[in-house]
PDB file of N, CA and C in Angstrom:
ATOM      1  N   MET A   1      85.303 117.579  76.181  1.00  0.00           N
ATOM      2  CA  MET A   1      85.510 118.169  77.483  1.00  0.00           C
ATOM      3  C   MET A   1      85.087 119.635  77.407  1.00  0.00           C
ATOM      4  N   ARG A   2      84.422 120.079  78.447  1.00  0.00           N
ATOM      5  CA  ARG A   2      83.959 121.465  78.478  1.00  0.00           C
ATOM      6  C   ARG A   2      85.123 122.427  78.612  1.00  0.00           C
ATOM      7  N   LYS A   3      84.939 123.594  78.059  1.00  0.00           N
ATOM      8  CA  LYS A   3      85.954 124.624  78.179  1.00  0.00           C
ATOM      9  C   LYS A   3      85.894 125.200  79.594  1.00  0.00           C
ATOM     10  N   GLN A   4      87.035 125.307  80.209  1.00  0.00           N
ATOM     11  CA  GLN A   4      87.110 125.811  81.569  1.00  0.00           C
ATOM     12  C   GLN A   4      87.147 127.335  81.561  1.00  0.00           C
ATOM     13  N   LYS A   5      86.581 127.924  82.581  1.00  0.00           N
ATOM     14  CA  LYS A   5      86.580 129.378  82.715  1.00  0.00           C
ATOM     15  C   LYS A   5      87.938 129.856  83.194  1.00  0.00           C
ATOM     16  N   MET A   6      88.299 131.054  82.759  1.00  0.00           N
ATOM     17  CA  MET A   6      89.518 131.671  83.276  1.00  0.00           C
ATOM     18  C   MET A   6      89.181 132.384  84.565  1.00  0.00           C
ATOM     19  N   ILE A   7      89.984 132.154  85.560  1.00  0.00           N
ATOM     20  CA  ILE A   7      89.763 132.788  86.850  1.00  0.00           C
ATOM     21  C   ILE A   7      90.995 133.632  87.163  1.00  0.00           C
ATOM     22  N   TYR A   8      90.755 134.869  87.500  1.00  0.00           N
ATOM     23  CA  TYR A   8      91.847 135.751  87.865  1.00  0.00           C
ATOM     24  C   TYR A   8      91.796 136.026  89.354  1.00  0.00           C
ATOM     25  N   VAL A   9      92.948 135.968  89.971  1.00  0.00           N
ATOM     26  CA  VAL A   9      93.062 136.235  91.395  1.00  0.00           C
ATOM     27  C   VAL A   9      93.807 137.557  91.549  1.00  0.00           C
ATOM     28  N   LEU A  10      93.189 138.494  92.213  1.00  0.00           N
ATOM     29  CA  LEU A  10      93.815 139.799  92.416  1.00  0.00           C
ATOM     30  C   LEU A  10      94.620 139.776  93.705  1.00  0.00           C
ATOM     31  N   ARG A  11      95.857 140.184  93.598  1.00  0.00           N
ATOM     32  CA  ARG A  11      96.739 140.196  94.761  1.00  0.00           C
ATOM     33  C   ARG A  11      97.442 141.542  94.834  1.00  0.00           C
ATOM     34  N   ARG A  12      97.528 142.059  96.006  1.00  0.00           N
ATOM     35  CA  ARG A  12      98.252 143.317  96.200  1.00  0.00           C
ATOM     36  C   ARG A  12      99.687 143.017  96.602  1.00  0.00           C
ATOM     37  N   ASP A  13     100.573 143.703  95.961  1.00  0.00           N
ATOM     38  CA  ASP A  13     101.978 143.546  96.285  1.00  0.00           C
ATOM     39  C   ASP A  13     102.310 144.523  97.404  1.00  0.00           C
ATOM     40  N   PRO A  14     102.823 144.035  98.539  1.00  0.00           N
ATOM     41  CA  PRO A  14     103.072 144.938  99.679  1.00  0.00           C
ATOM     42  C   PRO A  14     104.134 146.007  99.401  1.00  0.00           C
ATOM     43  N   ASP A  15     105.009 145.778  98.430  1.00  0.00           N
ATOM     44  CA  ASP A  15     106.045 146.764  98.126  1.00  0.00           C
ATOM     45  C   ASP A  15     105.467 148.024  97.498  1.00  0.00           C
ATOM     46  N   TYR A  16     104.361 147.909  96.783  1.00  0.00           N
ATOM     47  CA  TYR A  16     103.778 149.059  96.110  1.00  0.00           C
ATOM     48  C   TYR A  16     102.741 149.780  96.965  1.00  0.00           C
ATOM     49  N   ARG A  17     102.444 149.284  98.104  1.00  0.00           N
ATOM     50  CA  ARG A  17     101.520 149.893  99.074  1.00  0.00           C
ATOM     51  C   ARG A  17     100.180 150.274  98.458  1.00  0.00           C
ATOM     52  N   GLY A  18      99.600 149.326  97.697  1.00  0.00           N
ATOM     53  CA  GLY A  18      98.268 149.527  97.167  1.00  0.00           C
ATOM     54  C   GLY A  18      98.187 150.346  95.904  1.00  0.00           C
ATOM     55  N   ARG A  19      99.307 150.795  95.336  1.00  0.00           N
ATOM     56  CA  ARG A  19      99.254 151.599  94.114  1.00  0.00           C
ATOM     57  C   ARG A  19      98.921 150.759  92.887  1.00  0.00           C
ATOM     58  N   GLU A  20      99.228 149.475  92.928  1.00  0.00           N
ATOM     59  CA  GLU A  20      99.048 148.659  91.744  1.00  0.00           C
ATOM     60  C   GLU A  20      98.472 147.305  92.152  1.00  0.00           C
ATOM     61  N   ILE A  21      97.525 146.806  91.370  1.00  0.00           N
ATOM     62  CA  ILE A  21      96.957 145.486  91.612  1.00  0.00           C
ATOM     63  C   ILE A  21      97.280 144.627  90.398  1.00  0.00           C
ATOM     64  N   THR A  22      97.896 143.490  90.651  1.00  0.00           N
ATOM     65  CA  THR A  22      98.245 142.595  89.546  1.00  0.00           C
ATOM     66  C   THR A  22      97.281 141.421  89.526  1.00  0.00           C
ATOM     67  N   ALA A  23      97.010 140.916  88.350  1.00  0.00           N
ATOM     68  CA  ALA A  23      96.122 139.760  88.194  1.00  0.00           C
ATOM     69  C   ALA A  23      96.934 138.611  87.614  1.00  0.00           C
ATOM     70  N   LYS A  24      96.767 137.439  88.195  1.00  0.00           N
ATOM     71  CA  LYS A  24      97.461 136.258  87.712  1.00  0.00           C
ATOM     72  C   LYS A  24      96.432 135.199  87.351  1.00  0.00           C
ATOM     73  N   ARG A  25      96.624 134.566  86.237  1.00  0.00           N
ATOM     74  CA  ARG A  25      95.712 133.524  85.803  1.00  0.00           C
ATOM     75  C   ARG A  25      96.099 132.215  86.473  1.00  0.00           C
ATOM     76  N   GLU A  26      95.101 131.483  86.961  1.00  0.00           N
ATOM     77  CA  GLU A  26      95.371 130.192  87.567  1.00  0.00           C
ATOM     78  C   GLU A  26      95.752 129.191  86.489  1.00  0.00           C
ATOM     79  N   LEU A  27      96.343 128.079  86.906  1.00  0.00           N
ATOM     80  CA  LEU A  27      96.711 127.042  85.955  1.00  0.00           C
ATOM     81  C   LEU A  27      95.468 126.467  85.304  1.00  0.00           C
ATOM     82  N   SER A  28      95.571 126.143  84.053  1.00  0.00           N
ATOM     83  CA  SER A  28      94.413 125.614  83.346  1.00  0.00           C
ATOM     84  C   SER A  28      94.096 124.204  83.833  1.00  0.00           C
ATOM     85  N   PHE A  29      92.880 123.795  83.582  1.00  0.00           N
ATOM     86  CA  PHE A  29      92.437 122.477  84.005  1.00  0.00           C
ATOM     87  C   PHE A  29      93.281 121.385  83.370  1.00  0.00           C
ATOM     88  N   GLY A  30      93.639 121.548  82.109  1.00  0.00           N
ATOM     89  CA  GLY A  30      94.431 120.547  81.400  1.00  0.00           C
ATOM     90  C   GLY A  30      95.803 120.355  82.013  1.00  0.00           C
ATOM     91  N   ILE A  31      96.436 121.454  82.394  1.00  0.00           N
ATOM     92  CA  ILE A  31      97.765 121.361  83.004  1.00  0.00           C
ATOM     93  C   ILE A  31      97.675 120.687  84.363  1.00  0.00           C
ATOM     94  N   ARG A  32      96.663 121.050  85.154  1.00  0.00           N
ATOM     95  CA  ARG A  32      96.500 120.418  86.467  1.00  0.00           C
ATOM     96  C   ARG A  32      96.218 118.930  86.337  1.00  0.00           C
ATOM     97  N   LEU A  33      95.377 118.560  85.360  1.00  0.00           N
ATOM     98  CA  LEU A  33      95.051 117.156  85.159  1.00  0.00           C
ATOM     99  C   LEU A  33      96.274 116.372  84.700  1.00  0.00           C
ATOM    100  N   ALA A  34      97.028 116.920  83.767  1.00  0.00           N
ATOM    101  CA  ALA A  34      98.223 116.234  83.262  1.00  0.00           C
ATOM    102  C   ALA A  34      99.264 116.050  84.360  1.00  0.00           C
ATOM    103  N   SER A  35      99.452 117.063  85.190  1.00  0.00           N
ATOM    104  CA  SER A  35     100.433 116.932  86.268  1.00  0.00           C
ATOM    105  C   SER A  35      99.980 115.913  87.301  1.00  0.00           C
ATOM    106  N   ARG A  36      98.681 115.890  87.609  1.00  0.00           N
ATOM    107  CA  ARG A  36      98.156 114.897  88.559  1.00  0.00           C
ATOM    108  C   ARG A  36      98.333 113.481  88.020  1.00  0.00           C
ATOM    109  N   LEU A  37      98.031 113.279  86.727  1.00  0.00           N
ATOM    110  CA  LEU A  37      98.178 111.959  86.129  1.00  0.00           C
ATOM    111  C   LEU A  37      99.642 111.520  86.101  1.00  0.00           C
ATOM    112  N   MET A  38     100.548 112.460  85.822  1.00  0.00           N
ATOM    113  CA  MET A  38     101.958 112.122  85.805  1.00  0.00           C
ATOM    114  C   MET A  38     102.443 111.730  87.201  1.00  0.00           C
ATOM    115  N   LEU A  39     102.034 112.483  88.222  1.00  0.00           N
ATOM    116  CA  LEU A  39     102.432 112.141  89.591  1.00  0.00           C
ATOM    117  C   LEU A  39     101.846 110.801  90.028  1.00  0.00           C
ATOM    118  N   ASP A  40     100.604 110.524  89.645  1.00  0.00           N
ATOM    119  CA  ASP A  40     100.001 109.237  89.978  1.00  0.00           C
ATOM    120  C   ASP A  40     100.759 108.089  89.328  1.00  0.00           C
ATOM    121  N   GLU A  41     101.143 108.255  88.073  1.00  0.00           N
ATOM    122  CA  GLU A  41     101.882 107.208  87.372  1.00  0.00           C
ATOM    123  C   GLU A  41     103.257 106.986  88.007  1.00  0.00           C
ATOM    124  N   LEU A  42     103.941 108.076  88.372  1.00  0.00           N
ATOM    125  CA  LEU A  42     105.260 107.951  89.004  1.00  0.00           C
ATOM    126  C   LEU A  42     105.174 107.243  90.349  1.00  0.00           C
ATOM    127  N   THR A  43     104.156 107.582  91.146  1.00  0.00           N
ATOM    128  CA  THR A  43     104.003 106.918  92.456  1.00  0.00           C
ATOM    129  C   THR A  43     103.645 105.459  92.283  1.00  0.00           C
ATOM    130  N   PHE A  44     102.794 105.166  91.300  1.00  0.00           N
ATOM    131  CA  PHE A  44     102.414 103.778  91.026  1.00  0.00           C
ATOM    132  C   PHE A  44     103.650 102.952  90.692  1.00  0.00           C
ATOM    133  N   GLU A  45     104.467 103.455  89.780  1.00  0.00           N
ATOM    134  CA  GLU A  45     105.670 102.728  89.373  1.00  0.00           C
ATOM    135  C   GLU A  45     106.660 102.575  90.526  1.00  0.00           C
ATOM    136  N   LEU A  46     106.825 103.624  91.321  1.00  0.00           N
ATOM    137  CA  LEU A  46     107.747 103.565  92.453  1.00  0.00           C
ATOM    138  C   LEU A  46     107.302 102.524  93.473  1.00  0.00           C
ATOM    139  N   ASN A  47     106.023 102.521  93.820  1.00  0.00           N
ATOM    140  CA  ASN A  47     105.513 101.552  94.792  1.00  0.00           C
ATOM    141  C   ASN A  47     105.588 100.127  94.251  1.00  0.00           C
ATOM    142  N   LYS A  48     105.318  99.955  92.964  1.00  0.00           N
ATOM    143  CA  LYS A  48     105.378  98.621  92.364  1.00  0.00           C
ATOM    144  C   LYS A  48     106.809  98.086  92.377  1.00  0.00           C
ATOM    145  N   GLU A  49     107.770  98.921  92.027  1.00  0.00           N
ATOM    146  CA  GLU A  49     109.172  98.498  92.039  1.00  0.00           C
ATOM    147  C   GLU A  49     109.650  98.177  93.451  1.00  0.00           C
ATOM    148  N   ARG A  50     109.202  98.971  94.432  1.00  0.00           N
ATOM    149  CA  ARG A  50     109.584  98.712  95.822  1.00  0.00           C
ATOM    150  C   ARG A  50     109.036  97.369  96.282  1.00  0.00           C
ATOM    151  N   LEU A  51     107.777  97.099  95.959  1.00  0.00           N
ATOM    152  CA  LEU A  51     107.195  95.813  96.337  1.00  0.00           C
ATOM    153  C   LEU A  51     107.885  94.657  95.624  1.00  0.00           C
ATOM    154  N   ASP A  52     108.259  94.848  94.360  1.00  0.00           N
ATOM    155  CA  ASP A  52     109.004  93.806  93.639  1.00  0.00           C
ATOM    156  C   ASP A  52     110.311  93.477  94.349  1.00  0.00           C
ATOM    157  N   ARG A  53     111.038  94.508  94.737  1.00  0.00           N
ATOM    158  CA  ARG A  53     112.306  94.283  95.446  1.00  0.00           C
ATOM    159  C   ARG A  53     112.091  93.557  96.766  1.00  0.00           C
ATOM    160  N   GLU A  54     111.066  93.981  97.528  1.00  0.00           N
ATOM    161  CA  GLU A  54     110.804  93.346  98.820  1.00  0.00           C
ATOM    162  C   GLU A  54     110.351  91.904  98.649  1.00  0.00           C
ATOM    163  N   ILE A  55     109.550  91.615  97.620  1.00  0.00           N
ATOM    164  CA  ILE A  55     109.123  90.232  97.371  1.00  0.00           C
ATOM    165  C   ILE A  55     110.319  89.370  96.983  1.00  0.00           C
ATOM    166  N   ASN A  56     111.190  89.893  96.135  1.00  0.00           N
ATOM    167  CA  ASN A  56     112.388  89.128  95.755  1.00  0.00           C
ATOM    168  C   ASN A  56     113.293  88.874  96.950  1.00  0.00           C
ATOM    169  N   THR A  57     113.403  89.848  97.843  1.00  0.00           N
ATOM    170  CA  THR A  57     114.208  89.657  99.050  1.00  0.00           C
ATOM    171  C   THR A  57     113.584  88.592  99.950  1.00  0.00           C
ATOM    172  N   ALA A  58     112.276  88.600 100.078  1.00  0.00           N
ATOM    173  CA  ALA A  58     111.592  87.597 100.896  1.00  0.00           C
ATOM    174  C   ALA A  58     111.774  86.200 100.300  1.00  0.00           C
ATOM    175  N   ILE A  59     111.747  86.089  98.974  1.00  0.00           N
ATOM    176  CA  ILE A  59     111.972  84.795  98.327  1.00  0.00           C
ATOM    177  C   ILE A  59     113.399  84.325  98.565  1.00  0.00           C
ATOM    178  N   ASP A  60     114.370  85.249  98.437  1.00  0.00           N
ATOM    179  CA  ASP A  60     115.775  84.883  98.666  1.00  0.00           C
ATOM    180  C   ASP A  60     116.021  84.435 100.095  1.00  0.00           C
ATOM    181  N   ASN A  61     115.307  85.037 101.050  1.00  0.00           N
ATOM    182  CA  ASN A  61     115.491  84.694 102.472  1.00  0.00           C
ATOM    183  C   ASN A  61     114.593  83.550 102.939  1.00  0.00           C
ATOM    184  N   ASN A  62     113.791  82.991 102.041  1.00  0.00           N
ATOM    185  CA  ASN A  62     112.832  81.926 102.375  1.00  0.00           C
ATOM    186  C   ASN A  62     111.892  82.336 103.500  1.00  0.00           C
ATOM    187  N   ASP A  63     111.465  83.584 103.492  1.00  0.00           N
ATOM    188  CA  ASP A  63     110.548  84.105 104.506  1.00  0.00           C
ATOM    189  C   ASP A  63     109.116  84.019 103.955  1.00  0.00           C
ATOM    190  N   ARG A  64     108.428  82.935 104.298  1.00  0.00           N
ATOM    191  CA  ARG A  64     107.110  82.656 103.737  1.00  0.00           C
ATOM    192  C   ARG A  64     106.052  83.651 104.221  1.00  0.00           C
ATOM    193  N   GLU A  65     106.090  84.026 105.496  1.00  0.00           N
ATOM    194  CA  GLU A  65     105.097  84.958 106.037  1.00  0.00           C
ATOM    195  C   GLU A  65     105.215  86.339 105.381  1.00  0.00           C
ATOM    196  N   GLU A  66     106.435  86.806 105.230  1.00  0.00           N
ATOM    197  CA  GLU A  66     106.662  88.105 104.591  1.00  0.00           C
ATOM    198  C   GLU A  66     106.227  88.073 103.126  1.00  0.00           C
ATOM    199  N   PHE A  67     106.522  86.948 102.458  1.00  0.00           N
ATOM    200  CA  PHE A  67     106.110  86.797 101.072  1.00  0.00           C
ATOM    201  C   PHE A  67     104.583  86.836 100.937  1.00  0.00           C
ATOM    202  N   GLN A  68     103.881  86.161 101.830  1.00  0.00           N
ATOM    203  CA  GLN A  68     102.418  86.159 101.786  1.00  0.00           C
ATOM    204  C   GLN A  68     101.859  87.562 102.007  1.00  0.00           C
ATOM    205  N   ARG A  69     102.422  88.280 102.983  1.00  0.00           N
ATOM    206  CA  ARG A  69     101.957  89.638 103.276  1.00  0.00           C
ATOM    207  C   ARG A  69     102.201  90.570 102.085  1.00  0.00           C
ATOM    208  N   LEU A  70     103.385  90.465 101.494  1.00  0.00           N
ATOM    209  CA  LEU A  70     103.720  91.332 100.360  1.00  0.00           C
ATOM    210  C   LEU A  70     102.935  90.961  99.103  1.00  0.00           C
ATOM    211  N   SER A  71     102.669  89.681  98.909  1.00  0.00           N
ATOM    212  CA  SER A  71     101.911  89.295  97.714  1.00  0.00           C
ATOM    213  C   SER A  71     100.471  89.782  97.795  1.00  0.00           C
ATOM    214  N   ILE A  72      99.900  89.864  98.993  1.00  0.00           N
ATOM    215  CA  ILE A  72      98.561  90.443  99.152  1.00  0.00           C
ATOM    216  C   ILE A  72      98.598  91.937  98.844  1.00  0.00           C
ATOM    217  N   ALA A  73      99.655  92.623  99.288  1.00  0.00           N
ATOM    218  CA  ALA A  73      99.784  94.056  99.005  1.00  0.00           C
ATOM    219  C   ALA A  73     100.060  94.307  97.524  1.00  0.00           C
ATOM    220  N   TYR A  74     100.633  93.317  96.819  1.00  0.00           N
ATOM    221  CA  TYR A  74     100.992  93.475  95.403  1.00  0.00           C
ATOM    222  C   TYR A  74      99.815  93.217  94.465  1.00  0.00           C
ATOM    223  N   GLN A  75      98.773  92.574  94.934  1.00  0.00           N
ATOM    224  CA  GLN A  75      97.649  92.198  94.070  1.00  0.00           C
ATOM    225  C   GLN A  75      97.019  93.361  93.300  1.00  0.00           C
ATOM    226  N   PRO A  76      96.809  94.539  93.890  1.00  0.00           N
ATOM    227  CA  PRO A  76      96.232  95.631  93.075  1.00  0.00           C
ATOM    228  C   PRO A  76      97.098  96.053  91.893  1.00  0.00           C
ATOM    229  N   TYR A  77      98.397  95.780  91.938  1.00  0.00           N
ATOM    230  CA  TYR A  77      99.287  96.177  90.861  1.00  0.00           C
ATOM    231  C   TYR A  77      99.249  95.193  89.691  1.00  0.00           C
ATOM    232  N   THR A  78      98.646  94.026  89.875  1.00  0.00           N
ATOM    233  CA  THR A  78      98.595  93.035  88.812  1.00  0.00           C
ATOM    234  C   THR A  78      97.330  93.136  87.984  1.00  0.00           C
ATOM    235  N   TRP A  79      96.345  93.902  88.447  1.00  0.00           N
ATOM    236  CA  TRP A  79      95.082  94.011  87.711  1.00  0.00           C
ATOM    237  C   TRP A  79      95.250  94.942  86.527  1.00  0.00           C
ATOM    238  N   GLU A  80      94.909  94.461  85.345  1.00  0.00           N
ATOM    239  CA  GLU A  80      94.976  95.312  84.142  1.00  0.00           C
ATOM    240  C   GLU A  80      93.841  95.012  83.229  1.00  0.00           C
TER     241      GLU A  80
END
C-alpha cells in the first residue's frame, strides 16, 4: 500500500483573534479504513441478526408470504 501524504489543515481560533494559527493533522488513511471496515462489519451483523429474528417469527406464525419476502432479502447474507 502506498504511503499516504500528511495533510495539515490550518484553522484560526476565534478566541485568539488571529494571533495564533494551529495546525491539526487529519486522520491517517489506515485509521479511516479500519473504522469504516469495523462499522461495515457491525452493520452487516446487526442486519443479519434482525433478518434471522424476523424469519424465525414468520416461521412460528406460519406466514408463508412474509417468509418468502424475508428469505429473498436474506440471500446476500448467505454468500461466502
